C-alpha atoms as a PDB file:
ATOM      1  CA  MET A   1     -14.529  -2.541 -34.760  1.00  0.00           C
ATOM      2  CA  LYS A   2     -17.225  -1.209 -32.020  1.00  0.00           C
ATOM      3  CA  TYR A   3     -19.025   1.311 -34.305  1.00  0.00           C
ATOM      4  CA  PHE A   4     -18.963  -0.475 -37.768  1.00  0.00           C
ATOM      5  CA  THR A   5     -19.142  -4.245 -37.037  1.00  0.00           C
ATOM      6  CA  GLY A   6     -19.251  -6.855 -39.636  1.00  0.00           C
ATOM      7  CA  GLU A   7     -22.586  -8.013 -38.150  1.00  0.00           C
ATOM      8  CA  LEU A   8     -23.623  -3.989 -38.878  1.00  0.00           C
ATOM      9  CA  TRP A   9     -22.820  -3.483 -42.072  1.00  0.00           C
ATOM     10  CA  SER A  10     -24.234  -7.309 -43.213  1.00  0.00           C
ATOM     11  CA  LYS A  11     -27.520  -6.165 -41.884  1.00  0.00           C
ATOM     12  CA  PHE A  12     -27.562  -2.601 -43.455  1.00  0.00           C
ATOM     13  CA  SER A  13     -26.408  -4.029 -46.693  1.00  0.00           C
ATOM     14  CA  GLY A  14     -29.310  -6.801 -46.738  1.00  0.00           C
ATOM     15  CA  ALA A  15     -31.920  -5.173 -45.091  1.00  0.00           C
ATOM     16  CA  SER A  16     -34.996  -5.613 -46.528  1.00  0.00           C
ATOM     17  CA  PRO A  17     -37.376  -2.802 -47.277  1.00  0.00           C
ATOM     18  CA  GLU A  18     -39.395  -3.435 -44.058  1.00  0.00           C
ATOM     19  CA  GLU A  19     -36.096  -3.691 -41.937  1.00  0.00           C
ATOM     20  CA  ARG A  20     -34.643  -0.685 -44.105  1.00  0.00           C
ATOM     21  CA  SER A  21     -35.734   2.274 -41.481  1.00  0.00           C
ATOM     22  CA  LYS A  22     -34.830   0.656 -38.493  1.00  0.00           C
ATOM     23  CA  VAL A  23     -31.157  -0.395 -39.802  1.00  0.00           C
ATOM     24  CA  GLU A  24     -30.568   3.051 -41.163  1.00  0.00           C
ATOM     25  CA  ILE A  25     -31.444   4.495 -37.280  1.00  0.00           C
ATOM     26  CA  GLU A  26     -28.910   1.826 -36.335  1.00  0.00           C
ATOM     27  CA  TRP A  27     -26.219   3.021 -38.673  1.00  0.00           C
ATOM     28  CA  ASP A  28     -27.014   6.832 -38.188  1.00  0.00           C
ATOM     29  CA  LYS A  29     -26.053   5.976 -34.563  1.00  0.00           C
ATOM     30  CA  ALA A  30     -23.248   4.208 -35.062  1.00  0.00           C
ATOM     31  CA  VAL A  31     -21.551   7.013 -37.566  1.00  0.00           C
ATOM     32  CA  LYS A  32     -22.496   9.748 -35.120  1.00  0.00           C
ATOM     33  CA  GLU A  33     -21.023   8.310 -32.167  1.00  0.00           C
ATOM     34  CA  TYR A  34     -18.072   7.461 -33.972  1.00  0.00           C
ATOM     35  CA  ASN A  35     -17.575  11.318 -35.201  1.00  0.00           C
ATOM     36  CA  GLU A  36     -17.747  11.940 -31.798  1.00  0.00           C
ATOM     37  CA  SER A  37     -14.617   9.669 -30.847  1.00  0.00           C
ATOM     38  CA  PHE A  38     -13.243  10.537 -33.492  1.00  0.00           C
ATOM     39  CA  GLU A  39     -13.180  14.483 -32.584  1.00  0.00           C
ATOM     40  CA  ILE A  40     -11.215  13.636 -29.885  1.00  0.00           C
ATOM     41  CA  ILE A  41      -8.258  12.264 -31.266  1.00  0.00           C
ATOM     42  CA  ARG A  42      -8.230  14.296 -34.204  1.00  0.00           C
ATOM     43  CA  ASP A  43      -5.735  16.523 -33.123  1.00  0.00           C
ATOM     44  CA  ARG A  44      -2.954  13.273 -33.237  1.00  0.00           C
ATOM     45  CA  PHE A  45      -3.423  13.792 -37.190  1.00  0.00           C
ATOM     46  CA  SER A  46      -1.560  16.073 -39.526  1.00  0.00           C
ATOM     47  CA  LYS A  47      -3.876  18.079 -41.209  1.00  0.00           C
ATOM     48  CA  LYS A  48      -2.893  17.157 -44.810  1.00  0.00           C
ATOM     49  CA  PHE A  49      -3.615  13.294 -43.643  1.00  0.00           C
ATOM     50  CA  LEU A  50      -7.281  14.314 -42.507  1.00  0.00           C
ATOM     51  CA  ASP A  51      -7.490  16.483 -45.282  1.00  0.00           C
ATOM     52  CA  ILE A  52      -6.810  13.431 -47.677  1.00  0.00           C
ATOM     53  CA  TYR A  53      -8.788  10.871 -45.812  1.00  0.00           C
ATOM     54  CA  SER A  54     -11.890  13.217 -45.509  1.00  0.00           C
ATOM     55  CA  ALA A  55     -11.761  14.004 -49.321  1.00  0.00           C
ATOM     56  CA  ASN A  56     -11.607  10.284 -50.201  1.00  0.00           C
ATOM     57  CA  SER A  57     -14.900   9.354 -48.222  1.00  0.00           C
ATOM     58  CA  ASP A  58     -12.339   7.617 -45.594  1.00  0.00           C
ATOM     59  CA  PHE A  59     -11.228   5.677 -48.514  1.00  0.00           C
ATOM     60  CA  HIS A  60     -14.799   3.240 -48.595  1.00  0.00           C
ATOM     61  CA  ASP A  61     -14.542   0.939 -51.583  1.00  0.00           C
ATOM     62  CA  PHE A  62     -10.669   1.062 -52.407  1.00  0.00           C
ATOM     63  CA  HIS A  63      -8.997  -1.622 -53.341  1.00  0.00           C
ATOM     64  CA  ILE A  64      -5.361  -2.798 -51.827  1.00  0.00           C
ATOM     65  CA  LYS A  65      -2.825  -3.221 -54.209  1.00  0.00           C
ATOM     66  CA  ASP A  66      -0.103  -3.881 -52.024  1.00  0.00           C
ATOM     67  CA  PHE A  67       0.157  -4.219 -48.738  1.00  0.00           C
ATOM     68  CA  GLN A  68       4.125  -4.317 -47.479  1.00  0.00           C
ATOM     69  CA  ILE A  69       5.269  -4.602 -43.722  1.00  0.00           C
ATOM     70  CA  ILE A  70       8.779  -3.171 -43.176  1.00  0.00           C
ATOM     71  CA  ASN A  71      11.357  -4.305 -40.545  1.00  0.00           C
ATOM     72  CA  GLU A  72      13.817  -1.329 -40.393  1.00  0.00           C
ATOM     73  CA  ASP A  73      16.612  -1.102 -37.779  1.00  0.00           C
ATOM     74  CA  SER A  74      16.113  -3.439 -34.823  1.00  0.00           C
ATOM     75  CA  LYS A  75      17.881  -1.436 -32.320  1.00  0.00           C
ATOM     76  CA  ARG A  76      15.493   1.120 -32.773  1.00  0.00           C
ATOM     77  CA  THR A  77      12.372   1.422 -30.601  1.00  0.00           C
ATOM     78  CA  ASN A  78       9.352   0.054 -32.848  1.00  0.00           C
ATOM     79  CA  PRO A  79      11.125  -0.478 -35.710  1.00  0.00           C
ATOM     80  CA  VAL A  80       8.315  -1.500 -38.477  1.00  0.00           C
ATOM     81  CA  SER A  81       6.248   0.396 -40.066  1.00  0.00           C
ATOM     82  CA  ILE A  82       3.459  -0.849 -42.876  1.00  0.00           C
ATOM     83  CA  ASN A  83       2.690   0.913 -46.584  1.00  0.00           C
ATOM     84  CA  PHE A  84      -0.433   0.312 -47.842  1.00  0.00           C
ATOM     85  CA  ILE A  85      -1.399   1.259 -51.895  1.00  0.00           C
ATOM     86  CA  ILE A  86      -4.816   1.330 -52.238  1.00  0.00           C
ATOM     87  CA  THR A  87      -7.065   2.697 -55.375  1.00  0.00           C
ATOM     88  CA  ASP A  88     -10.397   3.498 -56.346  1.00  0.00           C
ATOM     89  CA  GLY A  89      -9.493   3.211 -60.194  1.00  0.00           C
ATOM     90  CA  ILE A  90      -8.906   6.495 -60.452  1.00  0.00           C
ATOM     91  CA  ASN A  91      -6.472   7.503 -57.696  1.00  0.00           C
ATOM     92  CA  THR A  92      -3.761   5.904 -55.797  1.00  0.00           C
ATOM     93  CA  TRP A  93      -2.769   6.530 -52.565  1.00  0.00           C
ATOM     94  CA  LYS A  94       0.057   5.481 -50.286  1.00  0.00           C
ATOM     95  CA  ILE A  95      -0.696   5.008 -46.512  1.00  0.00           C
ATOM     96  CA  THR A  96       2.565   4.683 -44.474  1.00  0.00           C
ATOM     97  CA  TYR A  97       2.249   4.142 -40.348  1.00  0.00           C
ATOM     98  CA  LYS A  98       5.589   4.125 -38.856  1.00  0.00           C
ATOM     99  CA  TYR A  99       6.902   3.174 -35.405  1.00  0.00           C
ATOM    100  CA  VAL A 100       4.149   0.047 -35.364  1.00  0.00           C
ATOM    101  CA  LYS A 101       3.446  -1.486 -32.078  1.00  0.00           C
ATOM    102  CA  LYS A 102       0.838  -4.261 -33.071  1.00  0.00           C
ATOM    103  CA  ILE A 103      -0.469  -5.468 -36.269  1.00  0.00           C
ATOM    104  CA  ALA A 104      -3.290  -7.731 -36.524  1.00  0.00           C
ATOM    105  CA  ILE A 105      -4.444  -9.317 -39.625  1.00  0.00           C
ATOM    106  CA  SER A 106      -8.113 -11.561 -40.166  1.00  0.00           C
ATOM    107  CA  TYR A 107      -8.177 -13.188 -42.893  1.00  0.00           C
ATOM    108  CA  GLU A 108      -9.970 -16.090 -44.235  1.00  0.00           C
ATOM    109  CA  GLN A 109     -10.313 -17.086 -47.642  1.00  0.00           C
ATOM    110  CA  GLU A 110     -14.413 -18.413 -47.933  1.00  0.00           C
ATOM    111  CA  LEU A 111     -17.155 -18.352 -49.914  1.00  0.00           C
ATOM    112  CA  MET A 112     -19.265 -15.557 -50.292  1.00  0.00           C
ATOM    113  CA  TRP A 113     -22.927 -14.644 -51.943  1.00  0.00           C
ATOM    114  CA  GLN A 114     -22.425 -13.271 -55.177  1.00  0.00           C
ATOM    115  CA  GLY A 115     -25.932 -11.874 -56.585  1.00  0.00           C
ATOM    116  CA  THR A 116     -27.188 -15.476 -57.906  1.00  0.00           C
ATOM    117  CA  LYS A 117     -24.388 -17.726 -56.954  1.00  0.00           C
ATOM    118  CA  TRP A 118     -21.758 -18.622 -54.473  1.00  0.00           C
ATOM    119  CA  GLU A 119     -18.357 -17.747 -55.091  1.00  0.00           C
ATOM    120  CA  ARG A 120     -14.654 -17.636 -53.857  1.00  0.00           C
ATOM    121  CA  ALA A 121     -13.802 -14.125 -52.355  1.00  0.00           C
ATOM    122  CA  ILE A 122     -10.588 -12.951 -54.284  1.00  0.00           C
ATOM    123  CA  GLY A 123      -8.292 -11.492 -50.868  1.00  0.00           C
ATOM    124  CA  PHE A 124      -9.172  -8.862 -48.900  1.00  0.00           C
ATOM    125  CA  ASP A 125     -12.368  -7.530 -51.392  1.00  0.00           C
ATOM    126  CA  ASP A 126     -13.500  -3.385 -51.202  1.00  0.00           C
ATOM    127  CA  TRP A 127     -12.084  -1.733 -48.497  1.00  0.00           C
ATOM    128  CA  GLY A 128     -15.340  -1.348 -45.595  1.00  0.00           C
ATOM    129  CA  TYR A 129     -15.321   0.730 -42.963  1.00  0.00           C
ATOM    130  CA  ASP A 130     -12.606   2.368 -40.365  1.00  0.00           C
ATOM    131  CA  GLU A 131     -11.896   3.369 -37.157  1.00  0.00           C
ATOM    132  CA  PHE A 132      -9.370   5.320 -35.150  1.00  0.00           C
ATOM    133  CA  PHE A 133      -9.185   5.247 -31.505  1.00  0.00           C
ATOM    134  CA  ALA A 134      -6.655   5.951 -29.017  1.00  0.00           C
ATOM    135  CA  VAL A 135      -4.944   3.020 -27.100  1.00  0.00           C
ATOM    136  CA  ASP A 136      -3.485   5.141 -24.871  1.00  0.00           C
ATOM    137  CA  GLU A 137      -1.693   8.696 -24.890  1.00  0.00           C
ATOM    138  CA  GLU A 138       1.161   7.807 -27.193  1.00  0.00           C
ATOM    139  CA  THR A 139      -0.433   5.726 -29.842  1.00  0.00           C
ATOM    140  CA  LEU A 140      -3.214   5.374 -31.946  1.00  0.00           C
ATOM    141  CA  SER A 141      -5.140   2.063 -33.043  1.00  0.00           C
ATOM    142  CA  HIS A 142      -6.545   1.768 -36.777  1.00  0.00           C
ATOM    143  CA  GLU A 143      -8.972  -0.610 -37.749  1.00  0.00           C
ATOM    144  CA  ILE A 144     -10.062  -1.684 -41.310  1.00  0.00           C
ATOM    145  CA  LEU A 145     -12.572  -3.878 -42.179  1.00  0.00           C
ATOM    146  CA  PHE A 146     -13.230  -5.179 -45.731  1.00  0.00           C
ATOM    147  CA  ALA A 147     -15.795  -6.382 -47.526  1.00  0.00           C
ATOM    148  CA  SER A 148     -14.568 -10.341 -47.219  1.00  0.00           C
ATOM    149  CA  ASP A 149     -14.728  -9.638 -43.761  1.00  0.00           C
ATOM    150  CA  ALA A 150     -11.205  -9.488 -43.353  1.00  0.00           C
ATOM    151  CA  SER A 151      -9.976  -7.129 -40.983  1.00  0.00           C
ATOM    152  CA  ILE A 152      -6.778  -5.206 -40.135  1.00  0.00           C
ATOM    153  CA  LEU A 153      -5.335  -3.917 -36.870  1.00  0.00           C
ATOM    154  CA  ILE A 154      -2.556  -1.423 -36.486  1.00  0.00           C
ATOM    155  CA  HIS A 155      -1.447   0.440 -33.164  1.00  0.00           C
ATOM    156  CA  PHE A 156       0.910   3.166 -34.065  1.00  0.00           C
ATOM    157  CA  LYS A 157       2.668   6.391 -32.621  1.00  0.00           C
ATOM    158  CA  ASN A 158       0.895   9.310 -32.566  1.00  0.00           C
ATOM    159  CA  SER A 159       0.714  11.404 -35.906  1.00  0.00           C
ATOM    160  CA  ASN A 160       2.943   8.799 -37.616  1.00  0.00           C
ATOM    161  CA  ILE A 161       0.637   7.609 -40.252  1.00  0.00           C
ATOM    162  CA  PHE A 162       1.366   9.599 -43.479  1.00  0.00           C
ATOM    163  CA  ILE A 163      -0.460   9.362 -46.794  1.00  0.00           C
ATOM    164  CA  SER A 164       0.866  10.523 -50.544  1.00  0.00           C
ATOM    165  CA  LYS A 165      -0.766  10.647 -53.696  1.00  0.00           C
ATOM    166  CA  VAL A 166       1.264   7.607 -56.117  1.00  0.00           C
ATOM    167  CA  ARG A 167       1.404   8.472 -59.860  1.00  0.00           C
END
């Protein structure tokens, strides 16, 4: 993550009242810079994806219900696809990436501070923040940072991210 780093998220979430305005300035700067970066690649996504993604606040605070890596016909270039099923408890969405070129998952279960005590983190936890970037002219990158500090990085061919509502 370039803009919404785990370090910045921790500072933003745990800032004291005295530090809050300083951290908010840093956060607002990250939001502005990321939005400018995203505008450059916006035309590499379908209108449907952008409409749903924007309407759901970039899936912040959603939870992963299912995560599948599918190895399709191995004779095809980039035969790997990925499906996420995510929910906010009311709405459930399926996000599909086709022609995946790279997958990197960072996950380690560890103790997390839960208000008044240390507890084991459960799974990936909330979908925190995510960033899209251009890898090259044909490839996009999507990196997702979760509340547990886990992350998933996916590189896929332009326009090959799809979203549909799950009933």
